[in-house]
Amino acid sequence: MIKTWFNLENPVLPTKNEFGKIYNIENYWDAGLNNNKKGSRHEYNKFSWPVLTQENVNQLYELITTQIKNPKILEICAGIGWLSYWLNKSGFDNIITTDNMTWKNTHNYSKSPIPTTKMGGLTAIKKYPDVNLIIMSWPPYRSVMPLQVLNKLRSDQCLLYIGEVWGCNATGNFFLEWEKYSVVEVKTWNKFWGIHDSAYLIKRK
């Protein structure tokens, strides 16, 4: 089923229920970090770190369109680009998709469904100053880059962060700093059991 969802020729965005049949989101050990007959989170992460369901993409669309007028979007830490792909399909044109791709040396990920430029986060936000929304999902644990991006956020820009808070992403200083900002969280977020990520829109007060 996962190969159907992430099929480059005809990908399918599953519903929460369809996702749950393969990755039991109510039971961590069924969804698992271990391979089993249904699949594993490890296998899913070869395509995407945030869970991509119709409900999650719809939540992001609603959050973005209600908070930002005429969004011009840059995604950093995009991996192979599936989040950008589905946001593009939902109605956001011309998303700039970037990732530093350092993982290519250690992870055997799949091919990108959308053009993705090899570029670090700080380099990307400097190169594309006209964007008013920066998306960053599941940045590396202990990386200082998310804090640097947050500190460079202008008053006319927002940061859409998808990941854990005080968990397996970024640094503690990043979350201490964002307490100075206005933060809006999506109403619900489909995730693996035992994983505590969500989506947050961050902007200066």
C-alpha atoms as a PDB file:
ATOM      1  CA  MET A   1       0.000   0.000   0.000  1.00  0.00           C
ATOM      2  CA  ILE A   2       2.785   2.450   0.844  1.00  0.00           C
ATOM      3  CA  LYS A   3       4.215   2.045  -2.653  1.00  0.00           C
ATOM      4  CA  THR A   4       0.807   3.057  -4.012  1.00  0.00           C
ATOM      5  CA  TRP A   5       0.712   6.195  -1.881  1.00  0.00           C
ATOM      6  CA  PHE A   6       4.193   7.264  -2.967  1.00  0.00           C
ATOM      7  CA  ASN A   7       4.032   5.998  -6.553  1.00  0.00           C
ATOM      8  CA  LEU A   8       5.680   8.656  -8.710  1.00  0.00           C
ATOM      9  CA  GLU A   9       3.363   7.998 -11.656  1.00  0.00           C
ATOM     10  CA  ASN A  10       0.064   8.098  -9.769  1.00  0.00           C
ATOM     11  CA  PRO A  11       0.483   8.861  -6.046  1.00  0.00           C
ATOM     12  CA  VAL A  12      -2.457   8.620  -3.655  1.00  0.00           C
ATOM     13  CA  LEU A  13      -2.994  10.710  -0.531  1.00  0.00           C
ATOM     14  CA  PRO A  14      -4.563   8.340   2.024  1.00  0.00           C
ATOM     15  CA  THR A  15      -7.186   9.219   4.607  1.00  0.00           C
ATOM     16  CA  LYS A  16      -6.478   8.825   8.304  1.00  0.00           C
ATOM     17  CA  ASN A  17      -8.392   5.538   8.297  1.00  0.00           C
ATOM     18  CA  GLU A  18      -6.488   4.194   5.299  1.00  0.00           C
ATOM     19  CA  PHE A  19      -3.214   5.165   6.917  1.00  0.00           C
ATOM     20  CA  GLY A  20      -4.280   3.512  10.168  1.00  0.00           C
ATOM     21  CA  LYS A  21      -4.943   0.173   8.471  1.00  0.00           C
ATOM     22  CA  ILE A  22      -1.265  -0.080   7.576  1.00  0.00           C
ATOM     23  CA  TYR A  23       0.274   1.880  10.421  1.00  0.00           C
ATOM     24  CA  ASN A  24      -1.920   1.401  13.465  1.00  0.00           C
ATOM     25  CA  ILE A  25      -1.697   4.922  14.877  1.00  0.00           C
ATOM     26  CA  GLU A  26      -3.334   3.783  18.120  1.00  0.00           C
ATOM     27  CA  ASN A  27      -0.602   1.252  18.919  1.00  0.00           C
ATOM     28  CA  TYR A  28       3.066   2.195  18.832  1.00  0.00           C
ATOM     29  CA  TRP A  29       4.266  -1.378  18.602  1.00  0.00           C
ATOM     30  CA  ASP A  30       2.022  -2.178  15.642  1.00  0.00           C
ATOM     31  CA  ALA A  31       3.069   0.982  13.826  1.00  0.00           C
ATOM     32  CA  GLY A  32       6.460   0.350  15.163  1.00  0.00           C
ATOM     33  CA  LEU A  33      10.051   1.066  14.655  1.00  0.00           C
ATOM     34  CA  ASN A  34      10.426  -2.622  13.891  1.00  0.00           C
ATOM     35  CA  ASN A  35       9.583  -4.176  10.558  1.00  0.00           C
ATOM     36  CA  ASN A  36       6.486  -6.345  10.613  1.00  0.00           C
ATOM     37  CA  LYS A  37       3.973  -7.757   8.151  1.00  0.00           C
ATOM     38  CA  LYS A  38       2.135  -4.413   7.899  1.00  0.00           C
ATOM     39  CA  GLY A  39       5.068  -2.054   7.655  1.00  0.00           C
ATOM     40  CA  SER A  40       7.084   0.226   9.875  1.00  0.00           C
ATOM     41  CA  ARG A  41       7.634   3.872  10.600  1.00  0.00           C
ATOM     42  CA  HIS A  42      11.205   3.388   9.447  1.00  0.00           C
ATOM     43  CA  GLU A  43       9.966   2.418   5.982  1.00  0.00           C
ATOM     44  CA  TYR A  44       7.491   5.322   5.909  1.00  0.00           C
ATOM     45  CA  ASN A  45      10.263   7.784   6.743  1.00  0.00           C
ATOM     46  CA  LYS A  46      12.046   6.855   3.533  1.00  0.00           C
ATOM     47  CA  PHE A  47       9.332   8.947   1.865  1.00  0.00           C
ATOM     48  CA  SER A  48       8.219  11.443   4.514  1.00  0.00           C
ATOM     49  CA  TRP A  49       8.783  12.284   8.185  1.00  0.00           C
ATOM     50  CA  PRO A  50       5.481  14.109   8.764  1.00  0.00           C
ATOM     51  CA  VAL A  51       2.465  11.833   8.282  1.00  0.00           C
ATOM     52  CA  LEU A  52       0.779  12.773   5.004  1.00  0.00           C
ATOM     53  CA  THR A  53      -2.979  12.158   5.024  1.00  0.00           C
ATOM     54  CA  GLN A  54      -5.856  14.026   3.439  1.00  0.00           C
ATOM     55  CA  GLU A  55      -6.780  15.350   6.871  1.00  0.00           C
ATOM     56  CA  ASN A  56      -3.277  16.649   7.607  1.00  0.00           C
ATOM     57  CA  VAL A  57      -2.872  18.369   4.251  1.00  0.00           C
ATOM     58  CA  ASN A  58      -6.329  19.932   4.598  1.00  0.00           C
ATOM     59  CA  GLN A  59      -5.394  21.208   8.057  1.00  0.00           C
ATOM     60  CA  LEU A  60      -2.237  22.801   6.670  1.00  0.00           C
ATOM     61  CA  TYR A  61      -4.162  24.370   3.803  1.00  0.00           C
ATOM     62  CA  GLU A  62      -6.705  25.873   6.217  1.00  0.00           C
ATOM     63  CA  LEU A  63      -4.006  27.118   8.585  1.00  0.00           C
ATOM     64  CA  ILE A  64      -1.997  28.764   5.826  1.00  0.00           C
ATOM     65  CA  THR A  65      -4.905  30.366   3.965  1.00  0.00           C
ATOM     66  CA  THR A  66      -6.517  31.782   7.110  1.00  0.00           C
ATOM     67  CA  GLN A  67      -3.285  33.250   8.469  1.00  0.00           C
ATOM     68  CA  ILE A  68      -1.381  34.383   5.359  1.00  0.00           C
ATOM     69  CA  LYS A  69      -2.541  36.490   2.434  1.00  0.00           C
ATOM     70  CA  ASN A  70      -1.159  35.378  -0.938  1.00  0.00           C
ATOM     71  CA  PRO A  71       1.350  32.858   0.444  1.00  0.00           C
ATOM     72  CA  LYS A  72       4.706  32.594  -1.284  1.00  0.00           C
ATOM     73  CA  ILE A  73       6.238  29.421   0.063  1.00  0.00           C
ATOM     74  CA  LEU A  74       9.764  28.143   0.630  1.00  0.00           C
ATOM     75  CA  GLU A  75      10.219  24.694   2.133  1.00  0.00           C
ATOM     76  CA  ILE A  76      13.519  23.906   3.835  1.00  0.00           C
ATOM     77  CA  CYS A  77      14.393  20.499   5.338  1.00  0.00           C
ATOM     78  CA  ALA A  78      12.070  19.121   2.672  1.00  0.00           C
ATOM     79  CA  GLY A  79      13.607  15.664   2.346  1.00  0.00           C
ATOM     80  CA  ILE A  80      12.579  14.350  -1.047  1.00  0.00           C
ATOM     81  CA  GLY A  81       9.661  16.764  -1.293  1.00  0.00           C
ATOM     82  CA  TRP A  82       6.398  14.905  -0.697  1.00  0.00           C
ATOM     83  CA  LEU A  83       4.963  17.604   1.570  1.00  0.00           C
ATOM     84  CA  SER A  84       5.608  20.264  -1.070  1.00  0.00           C
ATOM     85  CA  TYR A  85       4.093  17.959  -3.675  1.00  0.00           C
ATOM     86  CA  TRP A  86       0.773  17.582  -1.837  1.00  0.00           C
ATOM     87  CA  LEU A  87       0.596  21.246  -0.832  1.00  0.00           C
ATOM     88  CA  ASN A  88       1.104  22.095  -4.484  1.00  0.00           C
ATOM     89  CA  LYS A  89      -1.754  19.754  -5.404  1.00  0.00           C
ATOM     90  CA  SER A  90      -3.968  21.407  -2.790  1.00  0.00           C
ATOM     91  CA  GLY A  91      -3.641  24.771  -4.492  1.00  0.00           C
ATOM     92  CA  PHE A  92      -0.320  26.410  -3.609  1.00  0.00           C
ATOM     93  CA  ASP A  93       1.615  27.108  -6.794  1.00  0.00           C
ATOM     94  CA  ASN A  94       5.347  27.547  -7.236  1.00  0.00           C
ATOM     95  CA  ILE A  95       6.554  26.211  -3.890  1.00  0.00           C
ATOM     96  CA  ILE A  96      10.332  26.422  -3.686  1.00  0.00           C
ATOM     97  CA  THR A  97      11.519  23.077  -2.307  1.00  0.00           C
ATOM     98  CA  THR A  98      14.992  22.699  -0.783  1.00  0.00           C
ATOM     99  CA  ASP A  99      17.029  20.362   1.409  1.00  0.00           C
ATOM    100  CA  ASN A 100      20.734  20.115   2.184  1.00  0.00           C
ATOM    101  CA  MET A 101      20.565  16.387   1.322  1.00  0.00           C
ATOM    102  CA  THR A 102      23.279  15.380   3.766  1.00  0.00           C
ATOM    103  CA  TRP A 103      21.181  12.291   4.479  1.00  0.00           C
ATOM    104  CA  LYS A 104      21.997  10.931   1.015  1.00  0.00           C
ATOM    105  CA  ASN A 105      25.239   9.564   2.419  1.00  0.00           C
ATOM    106  CA  THR A 106      23.503   7.425   5.049  1.00  0.00           C
ATOM    107  CA  HIS A 107      19.889   6.863   3.961  1.00  0.00           C
ATOM    108  CA  ASN A 108      18.526   5.092   0.915  1.00  0.00           C
ATOM    109  CA  TYR A 109      15.513   7.312   0.282  1.00  0.00           C
ATOM    110  CA  SER A 110      13.251   7.209  -2.749  1.00  0.00           C
ATOM    111  CA  LYS A 111      13.189   9.555  -5.732  1.00  0.00           C
ATOM    112  CA  SER A 112      11.721  13.040  -5.449  1.00  0.00           C
ATOM    113  CA  PRO A 113       8.185  13.674  -6.782  1.00  0.00           C
ATOM    114  CA  ILE A 114       8.930  17.380  -7.263  1.00  0.00           C
ATOM    115  CA  PRO A 115      12.077  19.347  -8.184  1.00  0.00           C
ATOM    116  CA  THR A 116      14.103  19.728  -4.991  1.00  0.00           C
ATOM    117  CA  THR A 117      17.171  21.960  -4.830  1.00  0.00           C
ATOM    118  CA  LYS A 118      20.198  20.931  -2.789  1.00  0.00           C
ATOM    119  CA  MET A 119      20.573  23.868  -0.422  1.00  0.00           C
ATOM    120  CA  GLY A 120      20.900  24.473   3.310  1.00  0.00           C
ATOM    121  CA  GLY A 121      18.140  26.257   5.197  1.00  0.00           C
ATOM    122  CA  LEU A 122      20.001  29.511   5.903  1.00  0.00           C
ATOM    123  CA  THR A 123      21.264  29.708   2.338  1.00  0.00           C
ATOM    124  CA  ALA A 124      17.727  29.176   1.027  1.00  0.00           C
ATOM    125  CA  ILE A 125      16.078  31.920   3.081  1.00  0.00           C
ATOM    126  CA  LYS A 126      18.828  34.315   2.008  1.00  0.00           C
ATOM    127  CA  LYS A 127      18.456  33.379  -1.659  1.00  0.00           C
ATOM    128  CA  TYR A 128      14.653  33.674  -1.669  1.00  0.00           C
ATOM    129  CA  PRO A 129      13.853  36.846   0.318  1.00  0.00           C
ATOM    130  CA  ASP A 130      10.466  37.370  -1.362  1.00  0.00           C
ATOM    131  CA  VAL A 131       8.762  34.425   0.345  1.00  0.00           C
ATOM    132  CA  ASN A 132       6.362  35.096   3.215  1.00  0.00           C
ATOM    133  CA  LEU A 133       6.085  31.505   4.468  1.00  0.00           C
ATOM    134  CA  ILE A 134       8.956  29.179   5.344  1.00  0.00           C
ATOM    135  CA  ILE A 135       8.071  25.540   5.980  1.00  0.00           C
ATOM    136  CA  MET A 136      10.411  23.417   8.088  1.00  0.00           C
ATOM    137  CA  SER A 137       9.443  19.882   9.060  1.00  0.00           C
ATOM    138  CA  TRP A 138      11.324  17.498  11.334  1.00  0.00           C
ATOM    139  CA  PRO A 139      14.655  19.366  11.462  1.00  0.00           C
ATOM    140  CA  PRO A 140      17.511  17.300  12.895  1.00  0.00           C
ATOM    141  CA  TYR A 141      17.748  16.818  16.645  1.00  0.00           C
ATOM    142  CA  ARG A 142      20.241  19.203  18.277  1.00  0.00           C
ATOM    143  CA  SER A 143      20.628  21.229  15.079  1.00  0.00           C
ATOM    144  CA  VAL A 144      21.041  24.970  15.726  1.00  0.00           C
ATOM    145  CA  MET A 145      19.797  25.801  12.225  1.00  0.00           C
ATOM    146  CA  PRO A 146      16.086  26.037  13.259  1.00  0.00           C
ATOM    147  CA  LEU A 147      16.949  28.672  15.867  1.00  0.00           C
ATOM    148  CA  GLN A 148      18.983  30.606  13.326  1.00  0.00           C
ATOM    149  CA  VAL A 149      16.064  30.515  10.882  1.00  0.00           C
ATOM    150  CA  LEU A 150      13.644  31.662  13.574  1.00  0.00           C
ATOM    151  CA  ASN A 151      15.890  34.575  14.523  1.00  0.00           C
ATOM    152  CA  LYS A 152      16.014  35.700  10.880  1.00  0.00           C
ATOM    153  CA  LEU A 153      12.213  35.638  10.512  1.00  0.00           C
ATOM    154  CA  ARG A 154      10.941  39.048   9.398  1.00  0.00           C
ATOM    155  CA  SER A 155       7.729  40.673  10.592  1.00  0.00           C
ATOM    156  CA  ASP A 156       6.145  39.981   7.190  1.00  0.00           C
ATOM    157  CA  GLN A 157       7.067  36.273   7.280  1.00  0.00           C
ATOM    158  CA  CYS A 158       5.749  33.175   9.040  1.00  0.00           C
ATOM    159  CA  LEU A 159       7.430  29.892   9.880  1.00  0.00           C
ATOM    160  CA  LEU A 160       5.412  26.690   9.609  1.00  0.00           C
ATOM    161  CA  TYR A 161       7.115  24.186  11.877  1.00  0.00           C
ATOM    162  CA  ILE A 162       6.152  20.503  11.797  1.00  0.00           C
ATOM    163  CA  GLY A 163       7.781  18.322  14.416  1.00  0.00           C
ATOM    164  CA  GLU A 164       8.000  17.606  18.110  1.00  0.00           C
ATOM    165  CA  VAL A 165       8.222  20.316  20.763  1.00  0.00           C
ATOM    166  CA  TRP A 166      10.912  19.604  23.352  1.00  0.00           C
ATOM    167  CA  GLY A 167      11.348  16.228  21.663  1.00  0.00           C
ATOM    168  CA  CYS A 168      13.466  14.804  18.870  1.00  0.00           C
ATOM    169  CA  ASN A 169      13.879  17.987  16.837  1.00  0.00           C
ATOM    170  CA  ALA A 170      16.027  21.126  16.980  1.00  0.00           C
ATOM    171  CA  THR A 171      17.362  22.374  20.333  1.00  0.00           C
ATOM    172  CA  GLY A 172      15.841  23.560  23.581  1.00  0.00           C
ATOM    173  CA  ASN A 173      16.899  27.113  22.761  1.00  0.00           C
ATOM    174  CA  PHE A 174      14.688  27.008  19.668  1.00  0.00           C
ATOM    175  CA  PHE A 175      11.604  26.292  21.760  1.00  0.00           C
ATOM    176  CA  LEU A 176      12.580  28.801  24.425  1.00  0.00           C
ATOM    177  CA  GLU A 177      12.920  31.465  21.736  1.00  0.00           C
ATOM    178  CA  TRP A 178       9.600  30.732  20.059  1.00  0.00           C
ATOM    179  CA  GLU A 179       7.812  31.568  23.314  1.00  0.00           C
ATOM    180  CA  LYS A 180       8.428  35.184  22.307  1.00  0.00           C
ATOM    181  CA  TYR A 181       6.404  34.639  19.136  1.00  0.00           C
ATOM    182  CA  SER A 182       2.748  34.162  18.281  1.00  0.00           C
ATOM    183  CA  VAL A 183       2.147  30.433  17.712  1.00  0.00           C
ATOM    184  CA  VAL A 184      -0.971  28.822  16.212  1.00  0.00           C
ATOM    185  CA  GLU A 185      -1.274  25.012  16.253  1.00  0.00           C
ATOM    186  CA  VAL A 186      -3.476  22.965  13.915  1.00  0.00           C
ATOM    187  CA  LYS A 187      -6.621  21.572  15.533  1.00  0.00           C
ATOM    188  CA  THR A 188      -5.719  17.921  14.986  1.00  0.00           C
ATOM    189  CA  TRP A 189      -2.699  16.135  13.525  1.00  0.00           C
ATOM    190  CA  ASN A 190      -2.492  12.499  12.416  1.00  0.00           C
ATOM    191  CA  LYS A 191       0.673  10.903  13.764  1.00  0.00           C
ATOM    192  CA  PHE A 192       2.214   7.639  14.812  1.00  0.00           C
ATOM    193  CA  TRP A 193       1.360   6.499  18.319  1.00  0.00           C
ATOM    194  CA  GLY A 194       4.210   7.487  20.617  1.00  0.00           C
ATOM    195  CA  ILE A 195       5.319  10.306  18.320  1.00  0.00           C
ATOM    196  CA  HIS A 196       4.408  13.801  19.494  1.00  0.00           C
ATOM    197  CA  ASP A 197       4.675  15.978  16.422  1.00  0.00           C
ATOM    198  CA  SER A 198       2.185  18.575  15.268  1.00  0.00           C
ATOM    199  CA  ALA A 199       2.101  21.626  12.971  1.00  0.00           C
ATOM    200  CA  TYR A 200       2.623  25.173  14.263  1.00  0.00           C
ATOM    201  CA  LEU A 201       2.494  28.512  12.475  1.00  0.00           C
ATOM    202  CA  ILE A 202       4.938  30.930  14.078  1.00  0.00           C
ATOM    203  CA  LYS A 203       5.102  34.700  13.530  1.00  0.00           C
ATOM    204  CA  ARG A 204       6.404  37.730  15.362  1.00  0.00           C
ATOM    205  CA  LYS A 205       3.995  39.353  17.818  1.00  0.00           C
END
